[in-house]
Protein backbone atom coordinates (compact mmCIF):
# COMPACT_ATOMS: atom_id res chain seq x y z
CA MET A 1 95.39 113.30 108.60
CA GLN A 2 92.38 114.52 110.53
CA LYS A 3 91.60 110.94 111.70
CA LEU A 4 95.13 110.54 112.92
CA MET A 5 95.12 113.12 115.42
CA LYS A 6 92.63 110.98 117.70
CA TYR A 7 95.45 108.49 117.78
CA ILE A 8 97.75 111.56 118.91
CA ARG A 9 95.95 113.42 121.46
CA PRO A 10 96.47 110.51 124.30
CA PHE A 11 100.06 110.93 124.16
CA TRP A 12 100.34 115.02 123.89
CA LEU A 13 101.94 115.56 127.01
CA THR A 14 104.86 112.79 126.31
CA ILE A 15 104.98 114.44 122.91
CA LEU A 16 105.21 118.08 124.74
CA PHE A 17 107.38 117.02 127.11
CA GLY A 18 109.72 115.55 124.23
CA LEU A 19 109.29 119.12 122.27
CA ALA A 20 110.10 120.92 125.05
CA ILE A 21 113.09 118.63 125.50
CA LYS A 22 114.06 119.03 121.78
CA PHE A 23 113.43 123.04 122.21
CA THR A 24 116.06 123.11 125.02
CA ALA A 25 118.57 121.29 122.93
CA THR A 26 118.13 123.21 120.04
CA TYR A 27 117.99 126.90 121.84
CA ILE A 28 121.50 125.41 123.31
CA GLU A 29 122.91 124.76 119.99
CA LEU A 30 122.10 128.25 118.69
CA GLN A 31 124.34 129.89 121.47
CA ILE A 32 127.18 128.45 120.55
CA PRO A 33 128.06 130.37 117.75
CA LYS A 34 127.44 133.63 119.94
CA LEU A 35 129.73 132.35 122.54
CA MET A 36 132.19 132.01 119.81
CA GLN A 37 131.65 135.63 118.47
CA VAL A 38 131.79 137.09 122.02
CA VAL A 39 135.38 135.15 122.42
CA LEU A 40 137.02 136.49 119.06
CA ASP A 41 135.63 139.99 119.42
CA GLU A 42 136.37 140.38 122.61
CA LYS A 43 138.17 138.27 124.64
CA VAL A 44 140.90 137.75 122.15
CA PRO A 45 141.37 141.17 121.41
CA ALA A 46 141.56 142.14 124.75
CA GLY A 47 144.10 139.17 125.66
CA LEU A 48 141.29 137.80 128.64
CA GLU A 49 143.40 133.83 128.08
CA ARG A 50 141.10 132.87 131.31
CA GLU A 51 137.89 133.92 130.14
CA ILE A 52 138.77 132.55 126.65
CA TYR A 53 139.43 129.50 128.25
CA LEU A 54 136.03 129.38 130.10
CA PHE A 55 134.12 130.59 127.18
CA GLY A 56 135.66 127.49 125.43
CA GLY A 57 134.90 125.10 128.09
CA LEU A 58 130.93 126.76 128.00
CA MET A 59 130.93 125.66 124.42
CA VAL A 60 132.00 122.18 125.31
CA LEU A 61 129.50 122.01 127.76
CA CYS A 62 126.59 123.19 125.62
CA SER A 63 127.51 120.67 122.78
CA ILE A 64 127.57 117.64 124.93
CA LEU A 65 124.25 119.03 126.87
CA ALA A 66 122.60 119.46 123.36
CA MET A 67 123.54 115.75 122.31
CA VAL A 68 122.25 114.20 125.62
CA LEU A 69 118.94 116.27 125.35
CA ASN A 70 118.68 115.32 121.49
CA ILE A 71 119.00 111.73 122.29
CA THR A 72 116.60 111.95 125.34
CA ALA A 73 114.37 113.26 122.89
CA ASN A 74 114.79 111.05 119.92
CA ARG A 75 114.06 108.00 122.25
CA ILE A 76 110.55 109.84 123.70
CA ALA A 77 109.56 110.54 119.90
CA SER A 78 110.41 106.71 118.78
CA LYS A 79 108.97 105.33 121.78
CA THR A 80 105.57 107.55 121.11
CA ALA A 81 105.42 106.84 117.64
CA GLY A 82 105.71 103.01 118.19
CA LYS A 83 102.81 103.05 120.67
CA ILE A 84 100.23 105.40 117.97
CA THR A 85 101.12 103.36 115.07
CA ARG A 86 100.30 100.21 117.05
CA ARG A 87 96.58 101.20 118.11
CA LEU A 88 96.36 102.38 114.62
CA ARG A 89 96.82 99.46 113.21
CA HIS A 90 95.30 97.69 116.17
CA ASP A 91 92.29 99.58 114.98
CA LEU A 92 92.60 99.29 111.42
CA PHE A 93 93.05 95.39 111.77
CA ASN A 94 89.78 95.40 113.50
CA LYS A 95 88.22 97.53 110.60
CA LEU A 96 89.25 95.08 108.30
CA GLN A 97 87.68 91.89 110.41
CA ARG A 98 84.39 94.14 110.59
CA LEU A 99 84.12 94.93 106.53
CA SER A 100 81.37 93.12 104.57
CA PRO A 101 82.53 90.77 101.84
CA ARG A 102 80.72 93.37 99.45
CA GLN A 103 83.03 96.21 101.13
CA MET A 104 86.13 94.15 101.38
CA ASP A 105 85.45 93.12 97.58
CA THR A 106 85.93 97.09 96.92
CA VAL A 107 89.12 97.77 99.33
CA THR A 108 90.85 94.22 97.59
CA VAL A 109 93.02 92.13 99.77
CA PRO A 110 96.10 93.50 98.57
CA SER A 111 95.61 97.02 99.00
CA ALA A 112 94.16 96.00 102.68
CA VAL A 113 97.69 94.51 103.21
CA SER A 114 99.27 97.31 101.61
CA ARG A 115 97.71 100.15 104.17
CA LEU A 116 97.93 97.68 107.38
CA THR A 117 102.11 97.51 106.46
CA SER A 118 103.65 99.84 104.28
CA ASP A 119 101.06 102.77 104.85
CA SER A 120 101.16 102.17 108.25
CA TYR A 121 104.89 102.60 108.53
CA ASN A 122 104.78 105.73 106.52
CA VAL A 123 102.68 107.40 109.12
CA ASN A 124 104.81 105.84 111.82
CA ASN A 125 107.64 107.45 110.07
CA LEU A 126 106.22 110.63 109.76
CA ILE A 127 105.10 111.03 113.73
CA VAL A 128 108.80 110.23 114.22
CA ARG A 129 110.25 112.64 112.06
CA ILE A 130 107.78 115.64 113.13
CA GLN A 131 108.98 115.05 116.66
CA ARG A 132 112.62 114.91 115.91
CA ILE A 133 113.01 117.12 112.93
CA GLY A 134 109.80 119.00 112.74
CA VAL A 135 110.69 121.04 115.38
CA ARG A 136 114.52 121.25 115.51
CA ALA A 137 114.41 122.51 112.10
CA PRO A 138 111.94 125.67 112.25
CA ILE A 139 114.01 126.45 115.66
CA LEU A 140 117.14 126.28 113.89
CA LEU A 141 116.08 128.44 110.97
CA ILE A 142 113.98 131.01 112.82
CA GLY A 143 116.19 131.02 115.73
CA GLY A 144 119.33 130.93 113.56
CA ILE A 145 117.79 134.27 111.92
CA PHE A 146 116.66 136.11 115.01
CA SER A 147 120.22 135.46 116.04
CA MET A 148 121.94 136.92 112.97
CA LEU A 149 119.74 140.01 113.26
CA SER A 150 120.69 140.89 116.69
CA MET A 151 124.55 140.40 115.97
CA ASP A 152 124.48 142.33 112.49
CA TRP A 153 120.68 142.96 110.54
CA ALA A 154 122.44 144.40 107.49
CA LEU A 155 123.95 140.88 106.81
CA ALA A 156 120.96 138.99 108.38
CA LEU A 157 118.66 140.67 105.49
CA ILE A 158 120.99 138.58 102.79
CA LEU A 159 119.27 135.55 104.27
CA VAL A 160 115.94 136.86 104.61
CA ALA A 161 116.08 137.83 101.21
CA LEU A 162 116.45 134.08 100.29
CA LEU A 163 113.65 132.77 102.06
CA PRO A 164 110.97 133.54 99.23
CA PHE A 165 112.59 131.52 97.09
CA ILE A 166 112.77 128.52 99.32
CA SER A 167 109.54 128.87 99.86
CA ILE A 168 108.05 128.55 96.40
CA VAL A 169 110.68 125.61 95.58
CA VAL A 170 109.07 123.62 98.74
CA TYR A 171 105.40 124.43 97.09
CA VAL A 172 106.09 123.90 93.68
CA VAL A 173 107.68 119.94 94.83
CA THR A 174 104.95 119.18 97.80
CA LYS A 175 102.06 120.12 94.89
CA LYS A 176 103.96 117.87 92.03
CA SER A 177 104.93 114.91 93.95
CA VAL A 178 101.59 114.59 96.52
CA PRO A 179 100.01 112.53 93.45
CA LEU A 180 102.92 110.49 92.25
CA HIS A 181 103.36 109.27 95.98
CA ARG A 182 99.90 108.14 95.79
CA ARG A 183 99.91 106.61 92.44
CA THR A 184 102.90 104.48 93.38
CA HIS A 185 100.82 103.00 96.60
CA GLU A 186 98.19 102.11 93.93
CA LEU A 187 100.92 99.97 91.96
CA GLN A 188 102.14 98.73 94.95
CA ASP A 189 98.73 97.23 95.79
CA LYS A 190 99.32 95.65 92.29
CA ILE A 191 102.36 94.04 93.24
CA VAL A 192 101.17 92.69 96.52
CA MET A 193 98.33 91.21 94.74
CA ILE A 194 100.58 89.52 92.24
CA CYS A 195 102.38 88.02 94.79
CA GLN A 196 99.71 86.79 96.75
CA GLU A 197 97.94 85.02 93.57
CA ASN A 198 101.46 83.20 92.93
CA ILE A 199 101.99 82.26 96.07
CA THR A 200 98.53 80.85 96.20
CA GLY A 201 98.35 78.93 93.07
CA VAL A 202 102.39 77.95 93.12
CA ARG A 203 101.48 74.42 92.04
CA VAL A 204 98.57 75.32 89.43
CA ILE A 205 101.45 77.97 88.03
CA LYS A 206 104.29 75.20 87.87
CA ALA A 207 102.07 72.51 86.53
CA LEU A 208 101.15 74.60 83.49
CA SER A 209 104.45 75.89 83.06
CA LYS A 210 103.49 79.31 83.93
CA THR A 211 105.93 80.57 85.60
CA GLY A 212 107.86 82.40 82.85
CA HIS A 213 104.54 84.18 82.40
CA GLU A 214 104.17 85.04 85.85
CA LYS A 215 107.58 86.42 85.91
CA ARG A 216 106.92 88.82 83.24
CA ARG A 217 103.71 89.77 84.87
CA PHE A 218 105.66 90.57 88.31
CA TYR A 219 108.35 92.33 86.43
CA GLY A 220 106.18 94.12 84.39
CA ALA A 221 104.46 95.41 87.52
CA VAL A 222 107.33 96.49 89.18
CA GLU A 223 108.44 98.47 86.06
CA ASP A 224 105.58 100.31 86.42
CA ARG A 225 105.73 101.12 90.51
CA ASN A 226 109.40 101.94 89.68
CA GLU A 227 108.90 104.13 87.10
CA VAL A 228 105.85 106.36 88.88
CA SER A 229 108.14 105.80 91.82
CA LEU A 230 111.64 107.32 90.31
CA GLN A 231 109.10 110.50 88.92
CA ALA A 232 108.23 110.85 92.17
CA GLN A 233 112.05 110.92 93.41
CA LYS A 234 113.01 112.91 90.70
CA VAL A 235 110.42 115.91 91.83
CA SER A 236 111.27 115.16 95.46
CA GLY A 237 115.17 115.29 95.02
CA ILE A 238 114.85 118.68 93.20
CA SER A 239 113.90 120.29 96.45
CA GLY A 240 117.45 119.24 98.45
CA PRO A 241 119.84 120.36 95.89
CA LEU A 242 117.87 124.10 94.90
CA THR A 243 117.68 124.91 98.58
CA THR A 244 121.23 124.13 98.89
CA LEU A 245 122.19 126.17 96.17
CA ILE A 246 120.08 129.47 97.22
CA LEU A 247 121.53 129.21 100.36
CA ASN A 248 125.28 128.45 99.43
CA LEU A 249 124.67 131.60 96.89
CA GLY A 250 123.53 133.49 99.82
CA LEU A 251 126.48 132.34 101.74
CA THR A 252 128.89 133.58 98.83
CA VAL A 253 127.46 137.17 99.22
CA LEU A 254 127.40 137.17 103.07
CA VAL A 255 131.34 136.69 102.57
CA VAL A 256 131.96 138.95 100.19
CA VAL A 257 129.82 141.64 102.11
CA GLY A 258 131.07 140.69 105.28
CA ALA A 259 134.70 141.57 104.18
CA TYR A 260 133.42 144.77 102.96
CA ARG A 261 131.77 145.56 106.44
CA VAL A 262 134.77 144.42 108.72
CA ASN A 263 137.19 146.44 106.61
CA ALA A 264 135.54 149.39 107.14
CA GLY A 265 134.97 148.70 110.52
CA ALA A 266 131.04 148.19 110.62
CA THR A 267 131.39 145.03 112.14
CA GLY A 268 133.73 142.62 113.69
CA SER A 269 135.43 139.27 112.55
CA GLY A 270 133.76 136.93 115.15
CA VAL A 271 130.10 138.40 113.52
CA ILE A 272 131.19 136.56 110.39
CA VAL A 273 132.86 133.66 111.69
CA ALA A 274 129.55 133.19 113.92
CA PHE A 275 127.13 133.92 110.52
CA LEU A 276 128.84 131.47 108.54
CA GLN A 277 128.03 128.86 111.76
CA TYR A 278 124.40 130.33 111.35
CA PHE A 279 124.40 129.89 107.87
CA VAL A 280 125.59 126.31 108.11
CA MET A 281 122.77 125.78 110.50
CA ILE A 282 120.15 127.29 108.74
CA LEU A 283 121.19 125.42 105.40
CA ASN A 284 120.56 121.76 107.44
CA ALA A 285 117.27 122.92 108.55
CA ALA A 286 116.15 124.20 105.12
CA VAL A 287 117.07 120.80 103.64
CA MET A 288 115.63 118.95 106.91
CA VAL A 289 112.58 121.11 106.23
CA THR A 290 112.04 120.25 102.75
CA ARG A 291 112.36 116.55 103.75
CA VAL A 292 109.58 116.73 106.27
CA ILE A 293 107.46 118.19 103.91
CA ILE A 294 108.19 115.67 101.30
CA MET A 295 107.95 113.24 104.03
CA CYS A 296 104.26 114.74 104.79
CA ALA A 297 103.29 114.16 101.09
CA THR A 298 104.10 110.75 101.34
CA ALA A 299 102.49 109.98 104.61
CA GLN A 300 99.54 112.21 103.51
CA ALA A 301 98.73 109.72 100.76
CA SER A 302 99.26 106.57 103.19
CA ALA A 303 96.72 108.31 105.89
CA ASN A 304 94.06 108.93 103.31
CA ARG A 305 94.00 105.40 102.25
CA ILE A 306 94.04 104.19 106.04
CA ALA A 307 91.50 106.67 106.49
CA GLU A 308 89.19 105.40 103.31
CA VAL A 309 88.91 102.17 105.20
CA MET A 310 87.99 103.56 108.71
CA ALA A 311 85.59 105.86 107.36
CA LEU A 312 83.52 102.81 105.59
CA PRO A 313 80.36 102.47 107.48
CA GLU A 314 78.93 99.68 109.35
CA ASP A 315 77.76 97.10 106.89
CA MET A 316 75.29 94.53 107.52
CA LEU A 317 74.01 96.24 110.60
CA CYS A 318 71.43 93.87 112.85
CA LEU A 319 67.77 95.22 111.83
CA PRO A 320 65.30 96.16 114.48
CA GLY A 321 63.77 92.74 115.67
CA GLU A 322 60.67 91.16 114.40
CA GLU A 323 58.09 89.00 115.35
CA LYS A 324 58.87 85.54 114.87
CA GLU A 325 56.89 82.97 112.51
CA GLU A 326 54.97 80.50 115.11
CA ASN A 327 55.68 76.96 113.78
CA ALA A 328 57.90 77.95 111.29
CA PRO A 329 60.39 75.87 109.15
CA HIS A 330 64.32 75.93 110.29
CA ILE A 331 65.29 77.46 107.50
CA VAL A 332 63.33 79.56 104.77
CA PHE A 333 64.29 81.06 101.40
CA ARG A 334 61.67 83.40 100.01
CA ASP A 335 61.71 85.03 96.51
CA VAL A 336 65.27 85.89 96.91
CA THR A 337 67.05 87.47 94.13
CA PHE A 338 70.53 88.29 94.35
CA SER A 339 73.40 90.38 92.54
CA TYR A 340 76.97 91.08 93.52
CA SER A 341 77.67 94.01 91.01
CA GLY A 342 73.87 94.75 90.35
CA LYS A 343 73.96 94.45 86.63
CA GLY A 344 72.42 90.83 86.52
CA ASN A 345 71.13 88.41 89.02
CA ASN A 346 73.37 85.81 90.14
CA LEU A 347 70.15 84.47 91.68
CA GLU A 348 66.75 84.84 90.93
CA ASN A 349 63.11 84.55 92.70
CA LEU A 350 64.78 81.44 94.91
CA SER A 351 62.31 79.48 97.22
CA PHE A 352 62.41 76.90 99.45
CA SER A 353 62.29 75.77 102.99
CA LEU A 354 63.64 72.68 105.50
CA GLU A 355 62.76 71.49 108.64
CA LYS A 356 65.21 70.92 111.75
CA GLY A 357 67.29 67.90 110.99
CA GLN A 358 66.60 67.82 107.19
CA THR A 359 69.27 67.85 104.35
CA LEU A 360 69.58 70.06 101.35
CA GLY A 361 71.68 69.36 98.61
CA ILE A 362 72.78 71.66 95.70
CA LEU A 363 73.81 71.01 92.24
CA GLY A 364 74.82 72.82 89.05
CA ALA A 365 77.22 73.72 87.01
CA THR A 366 80.44 76.39 88.11
CA GLY A 367 78.65 79.65 88.31
CA SER A 368 75.18 78.46 88.57
CA GLY A 369 74.95 80.31 92.38
CA LYS A 370 75.67 77.22 94.65
CA SER A 371 78.22 78.80 97.01
CA THR A 372 75.86 82.16 96.92
CA ILE A 373 72.92 80.64 98.78
CA ILE A 374 75.78 79.72 101.27
CA LYS A 375 76.84 83.25 101.51
CA LEU A 376 73.43 84.73 102.01
CA LEU A 377 72.65 82.11 104.23
CA LEU A 378 75.49 83.25 106.59
CA ARG A 379 74.60 86.71 105.57
CA LEU A 380 78.03 87.41 104.23
CA TYR A 381 76.06 89.30 101.72
CA ASP A 382 72.31 91.03 102.24
CA VAL A 383 69.49 89.92 99.48
CA ASN A 384 68.35 92.84 96.84
CA SER A 385 64.62 91.15 97.89
CA GLY A 386 63.09 88.75 99.23
CA GLU A 387 63.81 87.42 102.76
CA ILE A 388 65.80 84.60 104.52
CA LEU A 389 64.54 82.97 108.03
CA ILE A 390 65.89 81.12 110.57
CA ASP A 391 63.14 79.40 112.90
CA GLY A 392 60.59 82.31 111.72
CA GLN A 393 62.83 85.09 112.45
CA ASP A 394 64.79 87.43 109.49
CA ILE A 395 68.40 86.76 109.65
CA CYS A 396 68.69 90.66 109.30
CA THR A 397 67.40 90.94 112.55
CA ILE A 398 69.31 87.98 114.39
CA PRO A 399 72.89 89.39 115.53
CA ASN A 400 75.75 88.46 113.48
CA ASP A 401 77.97 86.98 116.55
CA VAL A 402 74.82 84.96 117.51
CA LEU A 403 73.64 83.96 113.98
CA ARG A 404 77.11 82.46 113.20
CA LYS A 405 77.22 80.30 116.38
CA LYS A 406 74.54 78.35 114.68
CA PHE A 407 76.55 77.27 111.92
CA GLY A 408 79.75 74.59 111.05
CA VAL A 409 80.59 75.56 107.76
CA VAL A 410 82.98 74.12 105.16
CA PHE A 411 84.25 76.14 102.21
CA GLN A 412 85.00 75.53 98.94
CA ASN A 413 88.52 77.20 99.17
CA ASP A 414 88.71 76.46 103.23
CA PHE A 415 92.13 77.01 105.06
CA VAL A 416 94.20 74.99 107.66
CA LYS A 417 96.51 77.05 110.41
CA MET A 418 100.18 76.23 110.79
CA THR A 419 99.56 74.62 114.29
CA THR A 420 98.86 71.44 115.86
CA ILE A 421 95.96 69.41 114.49
CA GLY A 422 93.98 69.73 117.83
CA GLU A 423 94.22 73.44 117.54
CA ASN A 424 93.43 73.74 113.50
CA ILE A 425 90.07 71.66 114.76
CA ARG A 426 89.48 73.78 118.08
CA TYR A 427 89.95 76.74 116.50
CA TYR A 428 90.15 79.27 119.64
CA ARG A 429 86.88 77.77 120.63
CA ASP A 430 86.04 75.96 124.26
CA ILE A 431 85.98 72.58 123.13
CA PRO A 432 87.46 69.33 125.13
CA ASP A 433 89.36 66.84 123.56
CA GLU A 434 86.71 64.28 123.82
CA GLU A 435 84.94 66.05 121.61
CA LEU A 436 87.54 67.01 119.34
CA LEU A 437 88.14 63.21 118.69
CA SER A 438 84.45 62.42 117.98
CA ALA A 439 84.34 64.99 115.22
CA ILE A 440 87.62 63.42 113.82
CA ALA A 441 85.85 59.93 113.79
CA ASP A 442 82.44 61.21 112.38
CA ALA A 443 84.70 63.10 109.67
CA GLN A 444 86.40 59.66 109.30
CA ALA A 445 89.66 61.07 109.75
CA SER A 446 90.68 59.27 112.55
CA GLY A 447 93.11 56.67 110.63
CA PHE A 448 95.65 59.52 109.47
CA VAL A 449 95.29 61.28 112.85
CA GLU A 450 96.68 59.11 114.13
CA GLU A 451 99.75 58.93 111.84
CA LYS A 452 100.35 62.16 112.23
CA GLY A 453 100.53 62.20 115.87
CA GLY A 454 97.02 62.65 117.27
CA LEU A 455 95.79 66.31 118.41
CA THR A 456 99.28 66.97 118.82
CA GLY A 457 100.25 66.63 115.20
CA GLU A 458 101.81 69.33 113.80
CA VAL A 459 100.36 70.89 110.23
CA ASP A 460 102.77 72.92 107.99
CA ILE A 461 101.67 75.84 106.89
CA ARG A 462 98.46 75.90 104.43
CA GLY A 463 98.69 72.31 105.36
CA ASN A 464 101.13 71.41 102.75
CA ASN A 465 102.06 68.32 104.24
CA LEU A 466 98.35 67.12 104.10
CA SER A 467 96.78 65.62 101.07
CA GLY A 468 93.97 66.98 99.46
CA GLY A 469 91.43 64.61 101.11
CA GLN A 470 93.10 65.15 104.61
CA LYS A 471 92.48 68.64 104.46
CA GLN A 472 89.01 68.30 103.81
CA ARG A 473 88.71 65.76 106.31
CA LEU A 474 90.47 67.99 108.65
CA LEU A 475 87.79 70.71 107.78
CA ILE A 476 85.35 68.97 108.36
CA SER A 477 86.16 67.92 111.68
CA ARG A 478 86.57 71.45 112.66
CA ALA A 479 82.85 72.30 111.26
CA LEU A 480 81.21 69.08 113.16
CA ALA A 481 83.56 69.44 116.25
CA GLY A 482 81.16 72.49 117.35
CA LYS A 483 77.70 70.37 117.08
CA PRO A 484 76.40 72.89 114.81
CA GLU A 485 72.58 73.63 114.76
CA ILE A 486 73.02 74.11 110.71
CA LEU A 487 75.96 72.25 109.03
CA ILE A 488 77.23 73.46 105.78
CA LEU A 489 79.43 71.59 103.24
CA ASP A 490 80.57 73.48 100.34
CA ASP A 491 81.86 70.97 97.91
CA ALA A 492 83.78 69.90 101.28
CA SER A 493 84.09 66.23 100.26
CA SER A 494 85.48 66.32 96.71
CA ALA A 495 88.79 64.67 97.18
CA LEU A 496 87.16 61.82 99.16
CA ASP A 497 86.91 58.30 97.57
CA TYR A 498 83.42 57.09 97.35
CA LYS A 499 83.72 55.12 100.21
CA THR A 500 84.87 57.35 102.47
CA ASP A 501 82.05 59.83 100.95
CA ALA A 502 79.75 56.88 101.95
CA ASN A 503 80.90 56.59 105.16
CA LEU A 504 81.02 60.35 106.10
CA ARG A 505 77.19 60.84 105.18
CA ARG A 506 76.40 57.21 107.07
CA ALA A 507 77.87 59.23 109.95
CA LEU A 508 76.01 62.50 109.33
CA ARG A 509 72.75 60.61 109.52
CA GLN A 510 73.41 58.83 112.52
CA ASN A 511 74.91 61.33 114.94
CA TYR A 512 73.58 64.58 113.27
CA GLU A 513 70.09 63.85 113.08
CA ASN A 514 69.02 67.23 114.70
CA SER A 515 71.41 69.42 112.63
CA THR A 516 70.11 71.00 109.59
CA LYS A 517 72.48 69.61 106.28
CA VAL A 518 73.19 72.27 103.39
CA ILE A 519 75.59 70.20 100.87
CA VAL A 520 76.94 71.41 97.47
CA ALA A 521 78.55 68.78 95.58
CA GLN A 522 79.28 67.77 92.27
CA ARG A 523 78.56 63.94 92.92
CA VAL A 524 75.03 62.95 92.89
CA SER A 525 76.04 60.12 94.94
CA SER A 526 76.37 62.91 97.69
CA LEU A 527 73.07 64.24 97.52
CA ARG A 528 70.89 61.59 96.44
CA HIS A 529 69.59 60.59 100.07
CA ALA A 530 68.73 64.43 100.90
CA ASP A 531 65.38 65.45 101.67
CA LEU A 532 65.77 68.20 99.30
CA ILE A 533 68.06 68.38 96.07
CA LEU A 534 67.93 71.63 94.24
CA VAL A 535 69.13 71.97 90.51
CA LEU A 536 70.24 75.26 89.49
CA ASP A 537 71.32 76.65 86.34
CA ASP A 538 72.85 80.40 86.02
CA GLY A 539 71.36 81.36 89.41
CA ALA A 540 67.36 80.07 88.58
CA VAL A 541 66.09 76.30 90.16
CA ILE A 542 65.18 73.98 87.09
CA GLY A 543 64.83 71.27 89.30
CA ALA A 544 63.72 70.77 93.10
CA GLY A 545 62.82 67.44 94.72
CA ASN A 546 64.28 64.50 96.34
CA HIS A 547 66.15 62.00 93.98
CA ASP A 548 63.38 60.07 92.59
CA THR A 549 61.25 63.03 91.89
CA LEU A 550 64.29 64.77 89.89
CA MET A 551 65.05 61.50 88.37
CA ALA A 552 61.42 61.40 87.33
CA THR A 553 61.04 65.02 86.63
CA CYS A 554 64.60 66.79 85.61
CA GLY A 555 66.37 65.83 82.85
CA GLU A 556 69.38 67.62 83.28
CA TYR A 557 69.68 65.99 86.86
CA LYS A 558 68.71 62.69 85.22
CA MET A 559 71.54 63.26 82.82
CA ILE A 560 73.76 64.23 85.20
CA ALA A 561 73.14 60.86 87.50
CA ASN A 562 73.19 58.30 84.65
CA ALA A 563 76.42 59.89 83.62
CA GLN A 564 77.79 59.27 87.16
CA MET A 565 76.34 56.24 88.02
CA GLY A 566 74.83 54.43 85.09
CA ASP A 567 72.64 51.97 86.44
CA ARG A 568 74.12 51.33 89.83
CA GLU A 569 72.72 51.97 93.14
CA GLU A 570 74.67 52.50 96.14
CA GLY A 571 73.67 51.43 99.56
CA ALA A 572 75.20 54.41 101.42
């Protein structure tokens, strides 16, 4: 909750102004029972009809004025809470954008979505309620008690005697409910994760007839969440009825004792009527206080979850610069070892170098470390040992924004936006239409782009109106449009036919000869013209060289090549 204060401080004057209005409105409300007591005990017995109407009009005026002031204060509270939450969400989103992939693996995407939406909403709800109820309820509670003490201290002691019991109820409920609310948020993250997986993999789920299984999985997660939420609501729901019961018992005692005191002439009937009104106010205030405390428990769990993300240290920082190696190759991997989990190496002692304009091909089975090389080169993860250099400079000493501008990348599981074809390729970069069209032509995408309406053609969400091959060519166009210094294609042509793939490789050789290319593929035909081909197996290099060298020295590569191409030789 302390982290939240820095977002509240810029608005403290506005909040104080709203609280002052709320205080004034509540104070005016507290005067109405007093005015009624004066009318019943002084004006009515004396038969002062004019003053009765005067005090009655004053009570009506107080009611209207309190209503107007409460509405004004509530509007200020809602507006202020909205601005605070907007800043909080903005900073949280920026923080999530800056998290390293390793940190995001820890937070998880579903949890990040929940923290950005439902958790920030809970915080917003608390800020609103604190301004609207958190001030009004205590003032009614304390002000009502003091007003009663000023009228008849003996009767007021009945209410004072009830306060310890109410405090115990609130304390126990709060202590029990906080862990349950936190567990509810964790289970909500699981529901979001299942929804995300189902939306992303809906075609596979339907193709494998696993809709029923996924429904049961979703319903199971919902049931778990509902069960914990129900427990939390049961605990929280006890406070209101118990508080009401305690106060109603006190009200009964008040009426009985008050009747005896009126008969004895120790107090007036107007005091009893005023006390009844104050009791109702205090009852409502006590219920409101318990609700705010329960809301604080929920918001505290949410605020802590948000604070956990905000408190994550900056990762992948740019290290102090070192002198560049003179006349160094364009890309160098030097004894690179890396592990995602720290338990087993995903890459081990990997070394290779590429001159500017050369092409690296990477071939290997699933899980052999092909995409890991790409992630390390982009510095999405830092190596455990060894070093990676670009133009003789360790990538850890290159600012991330400078480093990433060197690359044009098509990932294995990439995405397209629901916008025009042109905006999908440009992707918020200042690239003229002529260069977009040139990239489209090089990516062998001109045909279908023209059919879709050119650069202004619309793309559905997740590219649902594009085939797999069309989507890949659109993504390749995006990578080529920036004229990258280093082009990375991570299994980016798997959906292309052989002819289109060959034409793409020819265009890359002819039009991007100054770009160093890193191509991950399962087809030998996509890699056979590469200057260096790495054959990986379980994170280790089992073959390195060009096509001819590997055919002579690497049995695994030769087996794959013969299985795919036989004795054919491609001219592409």
